[in-house]
């Protein structure tokens, strides 16, 4: 049984390549009900022209995306 499980091929998560997602390190509420998220974008690029979905909260417009050094 263990050998059978070890010999199986690992499936790739294709949705991770097609859609961008954020690995969040820091969450901060700012004035005017703004939410600032800091982290790493993985998968496809995230554009400020599109909506993003936050599980449990809904869909939101991105105000800005900046690369920090």
C-alpha atoms as a PDB file:
ATOM      1  CA  UNK A   1       0.000   0.000   0.000  1.00  0.00           C
ATOM      2  CA  UNK A   2       2.747   2.490   0.936  1.00  0.00           C
ATOM      3  CA  UNK A   3       4.684   1.733  -2.240  1.00  0.00           C
ATOM      4  CA  UNK A   4       1.567   2.284  -4.346  1.00  0.00           C
ATOM      5  CA  UNK A   5       0.950   5.691  -2.756  1.00  0.00           C
ATOM      6  CA  UNK A   6       4.623   6.666  -3.100  1.00  0.00           C
ATOM      7  CA  UNK A   7       4.719   5.756  -6.799  1.00  0.00           C
ATOM      8  CA  UNK A   8       1.710   7.832  -7.799  1.00  0.00           C
ATOM      9  CA  UNK A   9       2.269  10.978  -9.803  1.00  0.00           C
ATOM     10  CA  UNK A  10       1.520  14.234  -8.099  1.00  0.00           C
ATOM     11  CA  UNK A  11      -1.190  16.242  -9.840  1.00  0.00           C
ATOM     12  CA  UNK A  12      -0.520  19.875 -10.534  1.00  0.00           C
ATOM     13  CA  UNK A  13      -2.993  22.436  -9.258  1.00  0.00           C
ATOM     14  CA  UNK A  14      -3.711  24.137 -12.593  1.00  0.00           C
ATOM     15  CA  UNK A  15      -6.021  26.739 -11.066  1.00  0.00           C
ATOM     16  CA  UNK A  16      -2.991  28.206  -9.290  1.00  0.00           C
ATOM     17  CA  UNK A  17      -1.304  28.942 -12.614  1.00  0.00           C
ATOM     18  CA  UNK A  18      -4.376  30.472 -14.264  1.00  0.00           C
ATOM     19  CA  UNK A  19      -5.490  32.713 -11.403  1.00  0.00           C
ATOM     20  CA  UNK A  20      -3.507  35.059  -9.266  1.00  0.00           C
ATOM     21  CA  UNK A  21      -3.625  34.742  -5.502  1.00  0.00           C
ATOM     22  CA  UNK A  22      -2.001  36.505  -2.581  1.00  0.00           C
ATOM     23  CA  UNK A  23      -0.063  34.853   0.220  1.00  0.00           C
ATOM     24  CA  UNK A  24      -0.729  37.471   2.850  1.00  0.00           C
ATOM     25  CA  UNK A  25       1.848  38.362   5.516  1.00  0.00           C
ATOM     26  CA  UNK A  26       0.240  41.477   6.978  1.00  0.00           C
ATOM     27  CA  UNK A  27      -3.336  42.791   7.156  1.00  0.00           C
ATOM     28  CA  UNK A  28      -3.990  46.385   8.177  1.00  0.00           C
ATOM     29  CA  UNK A  29      -7.212  48.454   8.342  1.00  0.00           C
ATOM     30  CA  UNK A  30      -6.682  52.079   7.360  1.00  0.00           C
ATOM     31  CA  UNK A  31      -8.827  55.226   7.459  1.00  0.00           C
ATOM     32  CA  UNK A  32     -11.949  55.248   5.304  1.00  0.00           C
ATOM     33  CA  UNK A  33     -12.577  51.488   5.574  1.00  0.00           C
ATOM     34  CA  UNK A  34      -9.521  50.623   3.454  1.00  0.00           C
ATOM     35  CA  UNK A  35      -7.870  47.245   3.842  1.00  0.00           C
ATOM     36  CA  UNK A  36      -4.115  47.061   3.156  1.00  0.00           C
ATOM     37  CA  UNK A  37      -2.689  43.607   2.431  1.00  0.00           C
ATOM     38  CA  UNK A  38       1.024  42.888   2.257  1.00  0.00           C
ATOM     39  CA  UNK A  39       2.367  39.633   0.883  1.00  0.00           C
ATOM     40  CA  UNK A  40       3.420  37.709  -2.218  1.00  0.00           C
ATOM     41  CA  UNK A  41       1.412  37.414  -5.440  1.00  0.00           C
ATOM     42  CA  UNK A  42       1.562  33.926  -6.938  1.00  0.00           C
ATOM     43  CA  UNK A  43       0.177  32.533 -10.184  1.00  0.00           C
ATOM     44  CA  UNK A  44      -1.076  35.031 -12.754  1.00  0.00           C
ATOM     45  CA  UNK A  45      -0.638  38.772 -12.222  1.00  0.00           C
ATOM     46  CA  UNK A  46      -3.280  40.695 -10.275  1.00  0.00           C
ATOM     47  CA  UNK A  47      -4.573  43.796 -12.019  1.00  0.00           C
ATOM     48  CA  UNK A  48      -6.129  46.846 -10.351  1.00  0.00           C
ATOM     49  CA  UNK A  49      -8.779  46.794 -13.119  1.00  0.00           C
ATOM     50  CA  UNK A  50     -10.359  43.558 -11.891  1.00  0.00           C
ATOM     51  CA  UNK A  51     -12.245  42.456  -8.822  1.00  0.00           C
ATOM     52  CA  UNK A  52     -10.683  40.197  -6.210  1.00  0.00           C
ATOM     53  CA  UNK A  53     -12.579  37.739  -4.034  1.00  0.00           C
ATOM     54  CA  UNK A  54     -11.896  37.517  -0.311  1.00  0.00           C
ATOM     55  CA  UNK A  55     -13.453  34.327   1.084  1.00  0.00           C
ATOM     56  CA  UNK A  56     -16.173  35.087   3.593  1.00  0.00           C
ATOM     57  CA  UNK A  57     -16.300  38.800   2.705  1.00  0.00           C
ATOM     58  CA  UNK A  58     -17.088  39.080  -1.020  1.00  0.00           C
ATOM     59  CA  UNK A  59     -15.694  40.742  -4.159  1.00  0.00           C
ATOM     60  CA  UNK A  60     -13.772  44.016  -4.015  1.00  0.00           C
ATOM     61  CA  UNK A  61     -12.036  46.453  -6.363  1.00  0.00           C
ATOM     62  CA  UNK A  62      -8.252  46.700  -6.005  1.00  0.00           C
ATOM     63  CA  UNK A  63      -7.185  50.289  -5.276  1.00  0.00           C
ATOM     64  CA  UNK A  64      -3.485  49.862  -6.036  1.00  0.00           C
ATOM     65  CA  UNK A  65      -0.841  47.185  -6.355  1.00  0.00           C
ATOM     66  CA  UNK A  66       2.766  48.132  -5.639  1.00  0.00           C
ATOM     67  CA  UNK A  67       6.005  46.209  -5.598  1.00  0.00           C
ATOM     68  CA  UNK A  68       7.967  46.708  -2.407  1.00  0.00           C
ATOM     69  CA  UNK A  69      11.710  46.313  -2.263  1.00  0.00           C
END
